[in-house]
Amino acid sequence: MSSDSADVIEISSVSQKKVEANRRNAQRSTGPKTEAGKKRSRYNAVKYGIFSAAALQRFGFGIEDTEQFEELLTRLREDREPVGVLEEVLVDRIAVCLWRLKRVLEFEAGTMQKRYRKAEREMPSEFTSNTDTTSLTWCFLDLRLPEPHEMNLLIRYETTNQRQLAFALTQLERLQRARKGEHIAAPVAVQISTDQ
């Protein structure tokens, strides 16, 4: 029993030494000193924005990289320097809009790849073996855009998303200017009527 108690005493004295060493080291490390360092480390503990859980595809073939989204959000926060919940929500919204624009480009590239693969499968082998590459390239030029119905969806999705992005950017800018005490003119509203 005495050997057990000796072990306990030795372990507790070692851990006490570690605690004291940690306290001494903590006195030397007080975090970033420069404004740039403080801005960079400001969001270290924040992993995702308010919309990120719903913004990312997390399963199947279309799984999206959470680290890429996190990096985008962190860089936007560093760039826009939001203060308060509303500004942070608008920055998160901007990140989601930019992420959706990335999806639009990926969709467009995917639909073109699908069309090329389908055309290659349907093309007779004697045509590909007897035709030079320049002629084949000209034959495939019409495949550079998505099908008309896919293109219409793509344009509507992109247009809606760009409006949301522009709105969030404008709102964030107005909030930040007002917070800094600048005079903000009332937004201009135009009503369009088709009545004659």
C-alpha atoms as a PDB file:
ATOM      1  CA  MET A   1       0.000   0.000   0.000  1.00  0.00           C
ATOM      2  CA  SER A   2       2.849   2.326   0.695  1.00  0.00           C
ATOM      3  CA  SER A   3       4.180   1.876  -2.861  1.00  0.00           C
ATOM      4  CA  ASP A   4       0.764   2.887  -4.241  1.00  0.00           C
ATOM      5  CA  SER A   5       0.668   6.044  -2.154  1.00  0.00           C
ATOM      6  CA  ALA A   6       4.224   6.897  -3.245  1.00  0.00           C
ATOM      7  CA  ASP A   7       3.168   6.589  -6.875  1.00  0.00           C
ATOM      8  CA  VAL A   8       0.214   8.882  -6.274  1.00  0.00           C
ATOM      9  CA  ILE A   9       2.390  11.484  -4.609  1.00  0.00           C
ATOM     10  CA  GLU A  10       4.918  11.365  -7.432  1.00  0.00           C
ATOM     11  CA  ILE A  11       2.193  11.686 -10.125  1.00  0.00           C
ATOM     12  CA  SER A  12       0.483  14.579  -8.373  1.00  0.00           C
ATOM     13  CA  SER A  13       3.789  16.411  -7.906  1.00  0.00           C
ATOM     14  CA  VAL A  14       4.600  15.982 -11.615  1.00  0.00           C
ATOM     15  CA  SER A  15       1.191  17.257 -12.639  1.00  0.00           C
ATOM     16  CA  GLN A  16       1.574  20.188 -10.249  1.00  0.00           C
ATOM     17  CA  LYS A  17       4.884  21.036 -11.944  1.00  0.00           C
ATOM     18  CA  LYS A  18       3.163  20.936 -15.308  1.00  0.00           C
ATOM     19  CA  VAL A  19       0.422  23.224 -14.063  1.00  0.00           C
ATOM     20  CA  GLU A  20       2.976  25.722 -12.791  1.00  0.00           C
ATOM     21  CA  ALA A  21       4.938  25.574 -16.069  1.00  0.00           C
ATOM     22  CA  ASN A  22       1.738  26.161 -18.031  1.00  0.00           C
ATOM     23  CA  ARG A  23       0.922  29.187 -15.913  1.00  0.00           C
ATOM     24  CA  ARG A  24       4.396  30.650 -16.495  1.00  0.00           C
ATOM     25  CA  ASN A  25       4.144  30.041 -20.251  1.00  0.00           C
ATOM     26  CA  ALA A  26       0.678  31.589 -20.366  1.00  0.00           C
ATOM     27  CA  GLN A  27       2.116  34.829 -18.975  1.00  0.00           C
ATOM     28  CA  ARG A  28       4.408  35.077 -22.006  1.00  0.00           C
ATOM     29  CA  SER A  29       1.754  34.292 -24.640  1.00  0.00           C
ATOM     30  CA  THR A  30      -0.952  36.939 -24.685  1.00  0.00           C
ATOM     31  CA  GLY A  31      -2.229  36.502 -28.253  1.00  0.00           C
ATOM     32  CA  PRO A  32      -1.797  38.694 -31.300  1.00  0.00           C
ATOM     33  CA  LYS A  33      -0.337  42.148 -30.744  1.00  0.00           C
ATOM     34  CA  THR A  34      -0.880  43.896 -34.087  1.00  0.00           C
ATOM     35  CA  GLU A  35      -4.229  45.021 -35.451  1.00  0.00           C
ATOM     36  CA  ALA A  36      -3.794  42.728 -38.464  1.00  0.00           C
ATOM     37  CA  GLY A  37      -3.145  39.757 -36.158  1.00  0.00           C
ATOM     38  CA  LYS A  38      -6.160  40.600 -34.028  1.00  0.00           C
ATOM     39  CA  LYS A  39      -8.381  40.848 -37.108  1.00  0.00           C
ATOM     40  CA  ARG A  40      -7.109  37.509 -38.414  1.00  0.00           C
ATOM     41  CA  SER A  41      -7.675  35.687 -35.133  1.00  0.00           C
ATOM     42  CA  ARG A  42     -11.026  37.334 -34.427  1.00  0.00           C
ATOM     43  CA  TYR A  43     -13.067  34.464 -35.879  1.00  0.00           C
ATOM     44  CA  ASN A  44     -10.804  31.546 -34.937  1.00  0.00           C
ATOM     45  CA  ALA A  45     -13.450  30.019 -32.682  1.00  0.00           C
ATOM     46  CA  VAL A  46     -16.272  30.518 -35.203  1.00  0.00           C
ATOM     47  CA  LYS A  47     -16.496  27.481 -37.432  1.00  0.00           C
ATOM     48  CA  TYR A  48     -19.581  28.121 -39.533  1.00  0.00           C
ATOM     49  CA  GLY A  49     -22.093  30.844 -40.197  1.00  0.00           C
ATOM     50  CA  ILE A  50     -25.769  30.783 -39.390  1.00  0.00           C
ATOM     51  CA  PHE A  51     -26.707  29.494 -42.876  1.00  0.00           C
ATOM     52  CA  SER A  52     -23.847  27.025 -43.351  1.00  0.00           C
ATOM     53  CA  ALA A  53     -25.669  23.939 -42.066  1.00  0.00           C
ATOM     54  CA  ALA A  54     -28.322  24.392 -44.735  1.00  0.00           C
ATOM     55  CA  ALA A  55     -25.990  25.801 -47.405  1.00  0.00           C
ATOM     56  CA  LEU A  56     -23.823  22.741 -47.951  1.00  0.00           C
ATOM     57  CA  GLN A  57     -24.657  19.469 -49.644  1.00  0.00           C
ATOM     58  CA  ARG A  58     -23.409  16.926 -47.117  1.00  0.00           C
ATOM     59  CA  PHE A  59     -24.245  13.568 -48.750  1.00  0.00           C
ATOM     60  CA  GLY A  60     -24.209  11.651 -52.020  1.00  0.00           C
ATOM     61  CA  PHE A  61     -22.195  12.418 -55.131  1.00  0.00           C
ATOM     62  CA  GLY A  62     -22.617  16.162 -54.704  1.00  0.00           C
ATOM     63  CA  ILE A  63     -20.988  16.377 -51.267  1.00  0.00           C
ATOM     64  CA  GLU A  64     -19.396  19.788 -50.745  1.00  0.00           C
ATOM     65  CA  ASP A  65     -16.214  20.693 -48.912  1.00  0.00           C
ATOM     66  CA  THR A  66     -17.017  22.303 -45.563  1.00  0.00           C
ATOM     67  CA  GLU A  67     -13.437  23.567 -45.262  1.00  0.00           C
ATOM     68  CA  GLN A  68     -13.777  25.523 -48.527  1.00  0.00           C
ATOM     69  CA  PHE A  69     -16.980  27.130 -47.284  1.00  0.00           C
ATOM     70  CA  GLU A  70     -15.387  27.868 -43.917  1.00  0.00           C
ATOM     71  CA  GLU A  71     -12.415  29.496 -45.676  1.00  0.00           C
ATOM     72  CA  LEU A  72     -14.746  31.627 -47.813  1.00  0.00           C
ATOM     73  CA  LEU A  73     -16.708  32.721 -44.757  1.00  0.00           C
ATOM     74  CA  THR A  74     -13.554  33.508 -42.770  1.00  0.00           C
ATOM     75  CA  ARG A  75     -12.105  35.586 -45.602  1.00  0.00           C
ATOM     76  CA  LEU A  76     -15.370  37.482 -46.056  1.00  0.00           C
ATOM     77  CA  ARG A  77     -15.477  38.226 -42.326  1.00  0.00           C
ATOM     78  CA  GLU A  78     -11.902  39.484 -42.417  1.00  0.00           C
ATOM     79  CA  ASP A  79     -12.675  41.604 -45.468  1.00  0.00           C
ATOM     80  CA  ARG A  80     -16.044  43.032 -44.364  1.00  0.00           C
ATOM     81  CA  GLU A  81     -15.321  43.208 -40.598  1.00  0.00           C
ATOM     82  CA  PRO A  82     -18.936  42.781 -39.411  1.00  0.00           C
ATOM     83  CA  VAL A  83     -19.982  44.204 -36.044  1.00  0.00           C
ATOM     84  CA  GLY A  84     -23.113  42.876 -34.405  1.00  0.00           C
ATOM     85  CA  VAL A  85     -25.465  40.075 -35.268  1.00  0.00           C
ATOM     86  CA  LEU A  86     -27.165  41.720 -38.243  1.00  0.00           C
ATOM     87  CA  GLU A  87     -23.886  42.500 -40.031  1.00  0.00           C
ATOM     88  CA  GLU A  88     -22.652  38.966 -39.328  1.00  0.00           C
ATOM     89  CA  VAL A  89     -25.869  37.487 -40.758  1.00  0.00           C
ATOM     90  CA  LEU A  90     -25.454  39.603 -43.904  1.00  0.00           C
ATOM     91  CA  VAL A  91     -21.851  38.423 -44.327  1.00  0.00           C
ATOM     92  CA  ASP A  92     -23.054  34.835 -43.916  1.00  0.00           C
ATOM     93  CA  ARG A  93     -25.724  35.505 -46.536  1.00  0.00           C
ATOM     94  CA  ILE A  94     -23.088  36.880 -48.916  1.00  0.00           C
ATOM     95  CA  ALA A  95     -21.036  33.699 -48.412  1.00  0.00           C
ATOM     96  CA  VAL A  96     -24.064  31.548 -49.257  1.00  0.00           C
ATOM     97  CA  CYS A  97     -24.764  33.581 -52.404  1.00  0.00           C
ATOM     98  CA  LEU A  98     -21.159  33.256 -53.561  1.00  0.00           C
ATOM     99  CA  TRP A  99     -21.285  29.517 -52.826  1.00  0.00           C
ATOM    100  CA  ARG A 100     -24.411  29.226 -54.954  1.00  0.00           C
ATOM    101  CA  LEU A 101     -22.692  31.057 -57.821  1.00  0.00           C
ATOM    102  CA  LYS A 102     -19.928  28.445 -57.578  1.00  0.00           C
ATOM    103  CA  ARG A 103     -22.627  25.773 -57.899  1.00  0.00           C
ATOM    104  CA  VAL A 104     -24.009  27.446 -61.032  1.00  0.00           C
ATOM    105  CA  LEU A 105     -20.594  27.163 -62.712  1.00  0.00           C
ATOM    106  CA  GLU A 106     -20.249  23.545 -61.576  1.00  0.00           C
ATOM    107  CA  PHE A 107     -23.733  22.758 -62.915  1.00  0.00           C
ATOM    108  CA  GLU A 108     -22.884  24.314 -66.260  1.00  0.00           C
ATOM    109  CA  ALA A 109     -19.626  22.354 -66.506  1.00  0.00           C
ATOM    110  CA  GLY A 110     -21.410  19.143 -65.487  1.00  0.00           C
ATOM    111  CA  THR A 111     -24.167  19.499 -68.071  1.00  0.00           C
ATOM    112  CA  MET A 112     -21.614  20.134 -70.817  1.00  0.00           C
ATOM    113  CA  GLN A 113     -19.600  17.064 -69.777  1.00  0.00           C
ATOM    114  CA  LYS A 114     -22.776  14.993 -69.812  1.00  0.00           C
ATOM    115  CA  ARG A 115     -23.621  16.183 -73.328  1.00  0.00           C
ATOM    116  CA  TYR A 116     -20.091  15.454 -74.602  1.00  0.00           C
ATOM    117  CA  ARG A 117     -20.184  11.927 -73.157  1.00  0.00           C
ATOM    118  CA  LYS A 118     -23.578  11.256 -74.693  1.00  0.00           C
ATOM    119  CA  ALA A 119     -22.416  12.542 -78.097  1.00  0.00           C
ATOM    120  CA  GLU A 120     -19.262  10.414 -77.943  1.00  0.00           C
ATOM    121  CA  ARG A 121     -21.295   7.282 -77.139  1.00  0.00           C
ATOM    122  CA  GLU A 122     -23.739   7.922 -79.977  1.00  0.00           C
ATOM    123  CA  MET A 123     -21.115   8.792 -82.591  1.00  0.00           C
ATOM    124  CA  PRO A 124     -20.299   5.953 -85.017  1.00  0.00           C
ATOM    125  CA  SER A 125     -16.742   4.677 -84.585  1.00  0.00           C
ATOM    126  CA  GLU A 126     -15.986   4.947 -88.345  1.00  0.00           C
ATOM    127  CA  PHE A 127     -16.729   8.698 -88.124  1.00  0.00           C
ATOM    128  CA  THR A 128     -14.227   9.256 -85.302  1.00  0.00           C
ATOM    129  CA  SER A 129     -11.516   7.110 -86.895  1.00  0.00           C
ATOM    130  CA  ASN A 130     -11.774   8.777 -90.336  1.00  0.00           C
ATOM    131  CA  THR A 131     -12.176  12.404 -89.226  1.00  0.00           C
ATOM    132  CA  ASP A 132      -9.411  14.762 -88.175  1.00  0.00           C
ATOM    133  CA  THR A 133      -9.536  16.416 -84.740  1.00  0.00           C
ATOM    134  CA  THR A 134     -10.253  19.901 -86.084  1.00  0.00           C
ATOM    135  CA  SER A 135     -13.402  18.688 -87.818  1.00  0.00           C
ATOM    136  CA  LEU A 136     -14.457  16.807 -84.676  1.00  0.00           C
ATOM    137  CA  THR A 137     -13.942  19.964 -82.606  1.00  0.00           C
ATOM    138  CA  TRP A 138     -16.233  21.902 -84.938  1.00  0.00           C
ATOM    139  CA  CYS A 139     -18.824  19.132 -84.669  1.00  0.00           C
ATOM    140  CA  PHE A 140     -18.826  19.423 -80.871  1.00  0.00           C
ATOM    141  CA  LEU A 141     -19.023  23.231 -80.627  1.00  0.00           C
ATOM    142  CA  ASP A 142     -22.793  23.146 -80.142  1.00  0.00           C
ATOM    143  CA  LEU A 143     -22.238  21.106 -76.984  1.00  0.00           C
ATOM    144  CA  ARG A 144     -20.471  23.970 -75.192  1.00  0.00           C
ATOM    145  CA  LEU A 145     -23.729  25.246 -73.734  1.00  0.00           C
ATOM    146  CA  PRO A 146     -26.343  23.344 -71.750  1.00  0.00           C
ATOM    147  CA  GLU A 147     -29.599  22.257 -73.381  1.00  0.00           C
ATOM    148  CA  PRO A 148     -32.107  25.147 -73.682  1.00  0.00           C
ATOM    149  CA  HIS A 149     -34.286  23.970 -70.778  1.00  0.00           C
ATOM    150  CA  GLU A 150     -31.196  23.553 -68.565  1.00  0.00           C
ATOM    151  CA  MET A 151     -29.909  26.953 -69.713  1.00  0.00           C
ATOM    152  CA  ASN A 152     -33.191  28.635 -68.768  1.00  0.00           C
ATOM    153  CA  LEU A 153     -33.062  27.115 -65.286  1.00  0.00           C
ATOM    154  CA  LEU A 154     -29.415  28.096 -64.942  1.00  0.00           C
ATOM    155  CA  ILE A 155     -30.046  31.714 -65.973  1.00  0.00           C
ATOM    156  CA  ARG A 156     -33.055  32.072 -63.637  1.00  0.00           C
ATOM    157  CA  TYR A 157     -31.144  30.560 -60.713  1.00  0.00           C
ATOM    158  CA  GLU A 158     -28.081  32.716 -61.364  1.00  0.00           C
ATOM    159  CA  THR A 159     -30.137  35.915 -61.800  1.00  0.00           C
ATOM    160  CA  THR A 160     -32.070  35.333 -58.578  1.00  0.00           C
ATOM    161  CA  ASN A 161     -28.878  34.580 -56.720  1.00  0.00           C
ATOM    162  CA  GLN A 162     -27.107  37.677 -58.075  1.00  0.00           C
ATOM    163  CA  ARG A 163     -30.033  39.844 -56.926  1.00  0.00           C
ATOM    164  CA  GLN A 164     -29.804  38.350 -53.449  1.00  0.00           C
ATOM    165  CA  LEU A 165     -26.042  38.910 -53.404  1.00  0.00           C
ATOM    166  CA  ALA A 166     -26.389  42.541 -54.525  1.00  0.00           C
ATOM    167  CA  PHE A 167     -29.110  43.151 -51.917  1.00  0.00           C
ATOM    168  CA  ALA A 168     -27.038  41.640 -49.080  1.00  0.00           C
ATOM    169  CA  LEU A 169     -23.947  43.643 -50.124  1.00  0.00           C
ATOM    170  CA  THR A 170     -25.969  46.871 -50.288  1.00  0.00           C
ATOM    171  CA  GLN A 171     -27.616  46.258 -46.922  1.00  0.00           C
ATOM    172  CA  LEU A 172     -24.276  45.448 -45.290  1.00  0.00           C
ATOM    173  CA  GLU A 173     -22.669  48.571 -46.735  1.00  0.00           C
ATOM    174  CA  ARG A 174     -25.578  50.749 -45.545  1.00  0.00           C
ATOM    175  CA  LEU A 175     -25.440  49.270 -42.030  1.00  0.00           C
ATOM    176  CA  GLN A 176     -21.688  49.721 -41.763  1.00  0.00           C
ATOM    177  CA  ARG A 177     -21.793  53.295 -43.038  1.00  0.00           C
ATOM    178  CA  ALA A 178     -24.617  54.154 -40.620  1.00  0.00           C
ATOM    179  CA  ARG A 179     -22.681  52.551 -37.753  1.00  0.00           C
ATOM    180  CA  LYS A 180     -19.702  54.760 -38.596  1.00  0.00           C
ATOM    181  CA  GLY A 181     -21.945  57.825 -38.440  1.00  0.00           C
ATOM    182  CA  GLU A 182     -22.094  58.552 -42.157  1.00  0.00           C
ATOM    183  CA  HIS A 183     -25.246  60.021 -43.636  1.00  0.00           C
ATOM    184  CA  ILE A 184     -27.071  57.389 -45.641  1.00  0.00           C
ATOM    185  CA  ALA A 185     -29.556  58.569 -48.244  1.00  0.00           C
ATOM    186  CA  ALA A 186     -32.858  56.750 -48.348  1.00  0.00           C
ATOM    187  CA  PRO A 187     -32.920  53.949 -50.903  1.00  0.00           C
ATOM    188  CA  VAL A 188     -34.512  54.809 -54.203  1.00  0.00           C
ATOM    189  CA  ALA A 189     -37.605  52.754 -54.958  1.00  0.00           C
ATOM    190  CA  VAL A 190     -38.957  52.674 -58.474  1.00  0.00           C
ATOM    191  CA  GLN A 191     -42.382  51.270 -59.173  1.00  0.00           C
ATOM    192  CA  ILE A 192     -42.900  49.992 -62.691  1.00  0.00           C
ATOM    193  CA  SER A 193     -46.419  49.772 -63.962  1.00  0.00           C
ATOM    194  CA  THR A 194     -47.651  48.163 -67.160  1.00  0.00           C
ATOM    195  CA  ASP A 195     -50.906  50.151 -67.046  1.00  0.00           C
ATOM    196  CA  GLN A 196     -51.324  52.690 -69.801  1.00  0.00           C
END
